[in-house]
Amino acid sequence: MKTTTGGDIQNGGLYVTHGFAKRAGIKKGDNLKVKTFGSNKQYSFKVKGIIVTETNQGAYIVINY
C-alpha cells in the first residue's frame, strides 16, 4: 500500500484510508484514540499517513508498533 503522497507505510504510527480520513476529518499528524474490541483500554496513535486503497473505511497499524 502507498500513502496519498506516494510513500510506503513505515513502522511507528497509524495509517487510515483516504475514505475514512475524508469522512472523519482526519489529517496526517492528528492523534487518534483507539479502543480495542472487548476492552475499555484506550491507545493513542499519531496518524502517520493517509493510504490509498479500494477499502473505504479502515485503519492500519504495522505489527511491530
PDB file of N, CA and C in Angstrom:
ATOM      1  N   MET A   1       0.835  -1.179   0.000  1.00  0.00           N
ATOM      2  CA  MET A   1       0.000   0.000   0.000  1.00  0.00           C
ATOM      3  C   MET A   1       0.882   1.245   0.000  1.00  0.00           C
ATOM      4  N   LYS A   2       0.368   2.275  -0.622  1.00  0.00           N
ATOM      5  CA  LYS A   2       1.070   3.553  -0.699  1.00  0.00           C
ATOM      6  C   LYS A   2       0.228   4.639  -0.028  1.00  0.00           C
ATOM      7  N   THR A   3       0.915   5.656   0.464  1.00  0.00           N
ATOM      8  CA  THR A   3       0.203   6.801   1.024  1.00  0.00           C
ATOM      9  C   THR A   3      -0.235   7.714  -0.110  1.00  0.00           C
ATOM     10  N   THR A   4      -1.083   8.658   0.203  1.00  0.00           N
ATOM     11  CA  THR A   4      -1.567   9.597  -0.807  1.00  0.00           C
ATOM     12  C   THR A   4      -0.443  10.461  -1.359  1.00  0.00           C
ATOM     13  N   THR A   5       0.690  10.521  -0.666  1.00  0.00           N
ATOM     14  CA  THR A   5       1.841  11.280  -1.158  1.00  0.00           C
ATOM     15  C   THR A   5       2.837  10.383  -1.894  1.00  0.00           C
ATOM     16  N   GLY A   6       2.487   9.089  -2.050  1.00  0.00           N
ATOM     17  CA  GLY A   6       3.322   8.157  -2.797  1.00  0.00           C
ATOM     18  C   GLY A   6       4.343   7.399  -1.977  1.00  0.00           C
ATOM     19  N   GLY A   7       4.374   7.613  -0.667  1.00  0.00           N
ATOM     20  CA  GLY A   7       5.337   6.931   0.197  1.00  0.00           C
ATOM     21  C   GLY A   7       4.870   5.547   0.609  1.00  0.00           C
ATOM     22  N   ASP A   8       5.797   4.761   1.127  1.00  0.00           N
ATOM     23  CA  ASP A   8       5.485   3.437   1.664  1.00  0.00           C
ATOM     24  C   ASP A   8       5.091   3.550   3.133  1.00  0.00           C
ATOM     25  N   ILE A   9       4.326   2.576   3.603  1.00  0.00           N
ATOM     26  CA  ILE A   9       3.967   2.517   5.019  1.00  0.00           C
ATOM     27  C   ILE A   9       5.219   2.187   5.822  1.00  0.00           C
ATOM     28  N   GLN A  10       5.430   2.894   6.914  1.00  0.00           N
ATOM     29  CA  GLN A  10       6.597   2.719   7.775  1.00  0.00           C
ATOM     30  C   GLN A  10       6.158   2.254   9.160  1.00  0.00           C
ATOM     31  N   ASN A  11       7.096   1.761   9.951  1.00  0.00           N
ATOM     32  CA  ASN A  11       6.823   1.418  11.350  1.00  0.00           C
ATOM     33  C   ASN A  11       6.544   2.680  12.151  1.00  0.00           C
ATOM     34  N   GLY A  12       5.801   2.519  13.222  1.00  0.00           N
ATOM     35  CA  GLY A  12       5.591   3.612  14.159  1.00  0.00           C
ATOM     36  C   GLY A  12       4.504   4.575  13.759  1.00  0.00           C
ATOM     37  N   GLY A  13       3.280   4.191  13.965  1.00  0.00           N
ATOM     38  CA  GLY A  13       2.178   5.091  13.682  1.00  0.00           C
ATOM     39  C   GLY A  13       0.988   4.370  13.100  1.00  0.00           C
ATOM     40  N   LEU A  14      -0.056   5.111  12.931  1.00  0.00           N
ATOM     41  CA  LEU A  14      -1.318   4.603  12.426  1.00  0.00           C
ATOM     42  C   LEU A  14      -1.562   5.206  11.053  1.00  0.00           C
ATOM     43  N   TYR A  15      -2.054   4.406  10.133  1.00  0.00           N
ATOM     44  CA  TYR A  15      -2.411   4.871   8.798  1.00  0.00           C
ATOM     45  C   TYR A  15      -3.906   4.661   8.621  1.00  0.00           C
ATOM     46  N   VAL A  16      -4.590   5.626   8.060  1.00  0.00           N
ATOM     47  CA  VAL A  16      -6.023   5.495   7.816  1.00  0.00           C
ATOM     48  C   VAL A  16      -6.291   5.595   6.318  1.00  0.00           C
ATOM     49  N   THR A  17      -7.371   4.958   5.897  1.00  0.00           N
ATOM     50  CA  THR A  17      -7.721   5.013   4.481  1.00  0.00           C
ATOM     51  C   THR A  17      -8.217   6.408   4.113  1.00  0.00           C
ATOM     52  N   HIS A  18      -8.076   6.742   2.854  1.00  0.00           N
ATOM     53  CA  HIS A  18      -8.473   8.056   2.359  1.00  0.00           C
ATOM     54  C   HIS A  18      -9.959   8.323   2.620  1.00  0.00           C
ATOM     55  N   GLY A  19     -10.805   7.324   2.342  1.00  0.00           N
ATOM     56  CA  GLY A  19     -12.244   7.492   2.554  1.00  0.00           C
ATOM     57  C   GLY A  19     -12.591   7.746   4.011  1.00  0.00           C
ATOM     58  N   PHE A  20     -11.974   6.993   4.908  1.00  0.00           N
ATOM     59  CA  PHE A  20     -12.205   7.159   6.339  1.00  0.00           C
ATOM     60  C   PHE A  20     -11.727   8.529   6.807  1.00  0.00           C
ATOM     61  N   ALA A  21     -10.540   8.917   6.357  1.00  0.00           N
ATOM     62  CA  ALA A  21      -9.984  10.220   6.740  1.00  0.00           C
ATOM     63  C   ALA A  21     -10.883  11.357   6.269  1.00  0.00           C
ATOM     64  N   LYS A  22     -11.372  11.242   5.061  1.00  0.00           N
ATOM     65  CA  LYS A  22     -12.234  12.292   4.496  1.00  0.00           C
ATOM     66  C   LYS A  22     -13.532  12.425   5.288  1.00  0.00           C
ATOM     67  N   ARG A  23     -14.187  11.302   5.561  1.00  0.00           N
ATOM     68  CA  ARG A  23     -15.461  11.340   6.289  1.00  0.00           C
ATOM     69  C   ARG A  23     -15.299  11.791   7.739  1.00  0.00           C
ATOM     70  N   ALA A  24     -14.182  11.416   8.365  1.00  0.00           N
ATOM     71  CA  ALA A  24     -13.982  11.735   9.784  1.00  0.00           C
ATOM     72  C   ALA A  24     -13.190  13.026  10.000  1.00  0.00           C
ATOM     73  N   GLY A  25     -12.717  13.644   8.922  1.00  0.00           N
ATOM     74  CA  GLY A  25     -11.945  14.882   9.054  1.00  0.00           C
ATOM     75  C   GLY A  25     -10.569  14.656   9.661  1.00  0.00           C
ATOM     76  N   ILE A  26      -9.981  13.506   9.400  1.00  0.00           N
ATOM     77  CA  ILE A  26      -8.672  13.149   9.953  1.00  0.00           C
ATOM     78  C   ILE A  26      -7.582  13.585   8.989  1.00  0.00           C
ATOM     79  N   LYS A  27      -6.513  14.131   9.562  1.00  0.00           N
ATOM     80  CA  LYS A  27      -5.367  14.558   8.761  1.00  0.00           C
ATOM     81  C   LYS A  27      -4.086  13.928   9.307  1.00  0.00           C
ATOM     82  N   LYS A  28      -3.085  13.838   8.428  1.00  0.00           N
ATOM     83  CA  LYS A  28      -1.772  13.358   8.858  1.00  0.00           C
ATOM     84  C   LYS A  28      -1.295  14.231  10.013  1.00  0.00           C
ATOM     85  N   GLY A  29      -0.777  13.592  11.063  1.00  0.00           N
ATOM     86  CA  GLY A  29      -0.297  14.307  12.238  1.00  0.00           C
ATOM     87  C   GLY A  29      -1.304  14.370  13.374  1.00  0.00           C
ATOM     88  N   ASP A  30      -2.588  14.097  13.087  1.00  0.00           N
ATOM     89  CA  ASP A  30      -3.603  14.065  14.142  1.00  0.00           C
ATOM     90  C   ASP A  30      -3.327  12.901  15.087  1.00  0.00           C
ATOM     91  N   ASN A  31      -3.828  13.006  16.302  1.00  0.00           N
ATOM     92  CA  ASN A  31      -3.769  11.899  17.257  1.00  0.00           C
ATOM     93  C   ASN A  31      -5.150  11.285  17.376  1.00  0.00           C
ATOM     94  N   LEU A  32      -5.209   9.967  17.279  1.00  0.00           N
ATOM     95  CA  LEU A  32      -6.475   9.244  17.403  1.00  0.00           C
ATOM     96  C   LEU A  32      -6.410   8.308  18.585  1.00  0.00           C
ATOM     97  N   LYS A  33      -7.518   8.222  19.307  1.00  0.00           N
ATOM     98  CA  LYS A  33      -7.634   7.266  20.395  1.00  0.00           C
ATOM     99  C   LYS A  33      -8.384   6.056  19.866  1.00  0.00           C
ATOM    100  N   VAL A  34      -7.831   4.879  20.134  1.00  0.00           N
ATOM    101  CA  VAL A  34      -8.399   3.622  19.651  1.00  0.00           C
ATOM    102  C   VAL A  34      -8.683   2.733  20.850  1.00  0.00           C
ATOM    103  N   LYS A  35      -9.896   2.193  20.877  1.00  0.00           N
ATOM    104  CA  LYS A  35     -10.273   1.260  21.935  1.00  0.00           C
ATOM    105  C   LYS A  35     -10.469  -0.098  21.295  1.00  0.00           C
ATOM    106  N   THR A  36      -9.787  -1.106  21.825  1.00  0.00           N
ATOM    107  CA  THR A  36      -9.895  -2.442  21.254  1.00  0.00           C
ATOM    108  C   THR A  36     -11.233  -3.077  21.632  1.00  0.00           C
ATOM    109  N   PHE A  37     -11.708  -3.938  20.763  1.00  0.00           N
ATOM    110  CA  PHE A  37     -12.967  -4.630  20.990  1.00  0.00           C
ATOM    111  C   PHE A  37     -12.900  -5.462  22.263  1.00  0.00           C
ATOM    112  N   GLY A  38     -13.907  -5.350  23.106  1.00  0.00           N
ATOM    113  CA  GLY A  38     -13.983  -6.152  24.320  1.00  0.00           C
ATOM    114  C   GLY A  38     -13.139  -5.632  25.467  1.00  0.00           C
ATOM    115  N   SER A  39     -12.613  -4.428  25.336  1.00  0.00           N
ATOM    116  CA  SER A  39     -11.764  -3.859  26.383  1.00  0.00           C
ATOM    117  C   SER A  39     -12.079  -2.378  26.539  1.00  0.00           C
ATOM    118  N   ASN A  40     -11.870  -1.869  27.716  1.00  0.00           N
ATOM    119  CA  ASN A  40     -12.051  -0.436  27.945  1.00  0.00           C
ATOM    120  C   ASN A  40     -10.738   0.326  27.823  1.00  0.00           C
ATOM    121  N   LYS A  41      -9.659  -0.379  27.560  1.00  0.00           N
ATOM    122  CA  LYS A  41      -8.356   0.256  27.450  1.00  0.00           C
ATOM    123  C   LYS A  41      -8.244   1.020  26.138  1.00  0.00           C
ATOM    124  N   GLN A  42      -7.739   2.258  26.225  1.00  0.00           N
ATOM    125  CA  GLN A  42      -7.556   3.093  25.046  1.00  0.00           C
ATOM    126  C   GLN A  42      -6.078   3.266  24.736  1.00  0.00           C
ATOM    127  N   TYR A  43      -5.793   3.344  23.460  1.00  0.00           N
ATOM    128  CA  TYR A  43      -4.442   3.593  22.985  1.00  0.00           C
ATOM    129  C   TYR A  43      -4.487   4.851  22.133  1.00  0.00           C
ATOM    130  N   SER A  44      -3.443   5.637  22.196  1.00  0.00           N
ATOM    131  CA  SER A  44      -3.367   6.848  21.394  1.00  0.00           C
ATOM    132  C   SER A  44      -2.288   6.665  20.328  1.00  0.00           C
ATOM    133  N   PHE A  45      -2.639   6.984  19.091  1.00  0.00           N
ATOM    134  CA  PHE A  45      -1.723   6.837  17.971  1.00  0.00           C
ATOM    135  C   PHE A  45      -1.684   8.126  17.157  1.00  0.00           C
ATOM    136  N   LYS A  46      -0.511   8.448  16.681  1.00  0.00           N
ATOM    137  CA  LYS A  46      -0.362   9.570  15.771  1.00  0.00           C
ATOM    138  C   LYS A  46      -0.594   9.058  14.353  1.00  0.00           C
ATOM    139  N   VAL A  47      -1.411   9.776  13.581  1.00  0.00           N
ATOM    140  CA  VAL A  47      -1.668   9.401  12.198  1.00  0.00           C
ATOM    141  C   VAL A  47      -0.428   9.746  11.387  1.00  0.00           C
ATOM    142  N   LYS A  48       0.211   8.709  10.902  1.00  0.00           N
ATOM    143  CA  LYS A  48       1.454   8.883  10.159  1.00  0.00           C
ATOM    144  C   LYS A  48       1.206   9.137   8.678  1.00  0.00           C
ATOM    145  N   GLY A  49       0.020   8.752   8.201  1.00  0.00           N
ATOM    146  CA  GLY A  49      -0.285   8.994   6.806  1.00  0.00           C
ATOM    147  C   GLY A  49      -1.666   8.513   6.422  1.00  0.00           C
ATOM    148  N   ILE A  50      -2.078   8.925   5.231  1.00  0.00           N
ATOM    149  CA  ILE A  50      -3.348   8.524   4.647  1.00  0.00           C
ATOM    150  C   ILE A  50      -3.015   7.588   3.487  1.00  0.00           C
ATOM    151  N   ILE A  51      -3.665   6.438   3.448  1.00  0.00           N
ATOM    152  CA  ILE A  51      -3.335   5.468   2.406  1.00  0.00           C
ATOM    153  C   ILE A  51      -4.411   5.402   1.324  1.00  0.00           C
ATOM    154  N   VAL A  52      -3.948   5.042   0.148  1.00  0.00           N
ATOM    155  CA  VAL A  52      -4.829   4.858  -0.997  1.00  0.00           C
ATOM    156  C   VAL A  52      -5.185   3.382  -1.068  1.00  0.00           C
ATOM    157  N   THR A  53      -6.464   3.076  -1.010  1.00  0.00           N
ATOM    158  CA  THR A  53      -6.925   1.690  -1.079  1.00  0.00           C
ATOM    159  C   THR A  53      -8.364   1.666  -1.552  1.00  0.00           C
ATOM    160  N   GLU A  54      -8.779   0.534  -2.069  1.00  0.00           N
ATOM    161  CA  GLU A  54     -10.164   0.374  -2.507  1.00  0.00           C
ATOM    162  C   GLU A  54     -11.118   0.317  -1.318  1.00  0.00           C
ATOM    163  N   THR A  55     -10.593  -0.053  -0.150  1.00  0.00           N
ATOM    164  CA  THR A  55     -11.405  -0.111   1.056  1.00  0.00           C
ATOM    165  C   THR A  55     -11.760   1.306   1.483  1.00  0.00           C
ATOM    166  N   ASN A  56     -13.035   1.557   1.707  1.00  0.00           N
ATOM    167  CA  ASN A  56     -13.470   2.910   2.051  1.00  0.00           C
ATOM    168  C   ASN A  56     -13.231   3.281   3.503  1.00  0.00           C
ATOM    169  N   GLN A  57     -13.087   2.298   4.345  1.00  0.00           N
ATOM    170  CA  GLN A  57     -13.011   2.597   5.763  1.00  0.00           C
ATOM    171  C   GLN A  57     -12.003   1.684   6.427  1.00  0.00           C
ATOM    172  N   GLY A  58     -11.149   2.255   7.247  1.00  0.00           N
ATOM    173  CA  GLY A  58     -10.238   1.411   7.984  1.00  0.00           C
ATOM    174  C   GLY A  58      -9.010   2.131   8.462  1.00  0.00           C
ATOM    175  N   ALA A  59      -8.296   1.433   9.320  1.00  0.00           N
ATOM    176  CA  ALA A  59      -7.043   1.941   9.859  1.00  0.00           C
ATOM    177  C   ALA A  59      -6.063   0.780   9.906  1.00  0.00           C
ATOM    178  N   TYR A  60      -4.801   1.100   9.722  1.00  0.00           N
ATOM    179  CA  TYR A  60      -3.755   0.088   9.690  1.00  0.00           C
ATOM    180  C   TYR A  60      -2.638   0.481  10.641  1.00  0.00           C
ATOM    181  N   ILE A  61      -2.157  -0.506  11.383  1.00  0.00           N
ATOM    182  CA  ILE A  61      -1.022  -0.326  12.281  1.00  0.00           C
ATOM    183  C   ILE A  61      -0.022  -1.417  11.934  1.00  0.00           C
ATOM    184  N   VAL A  62       1.219  -1.050  11.740  1.00  0.00           N
ATOM    185  CA  VAL A  62       2.254  -2.040  11.470  1.00  0.00           C
ATOM    186  C   VAL A  62       2.425  -2.902  12.712  1.00  0.00           C
ATOM    187  N   ILE A  63       2.497  -4.215  12.540  1.00  0.00           N
ATOM    188  CA  ILE A  63       2.502  -5.146  13.658  1.00  0.00           C
ATOM    189  C   ILE A  63       3.591  -4.860  14.694  1.00  0.00           C
ATOM    190  N   ASN A  64       4.740  -4.379  14.258  1.00  0.00           N
ATOM    191  CA  ASN A  64       5.826  -4.075  15.200  1.00  0.00           C
ATOM    192  C   ASN A  64       5.489  -2.921  16.127  1.00  0.00           C
ATOM    193  N   TYR A  65       4.523  -2.111  15.762  1.00  0.00           N
ATOM    194  CA  TYR A  65       4.171  -0.934  16.546  1.00  0.00           C
ATOM    195  C   TYR A  65       3.218  -1.326  17.646  1.00  0.00           C
TER     196      TYR A  65
END
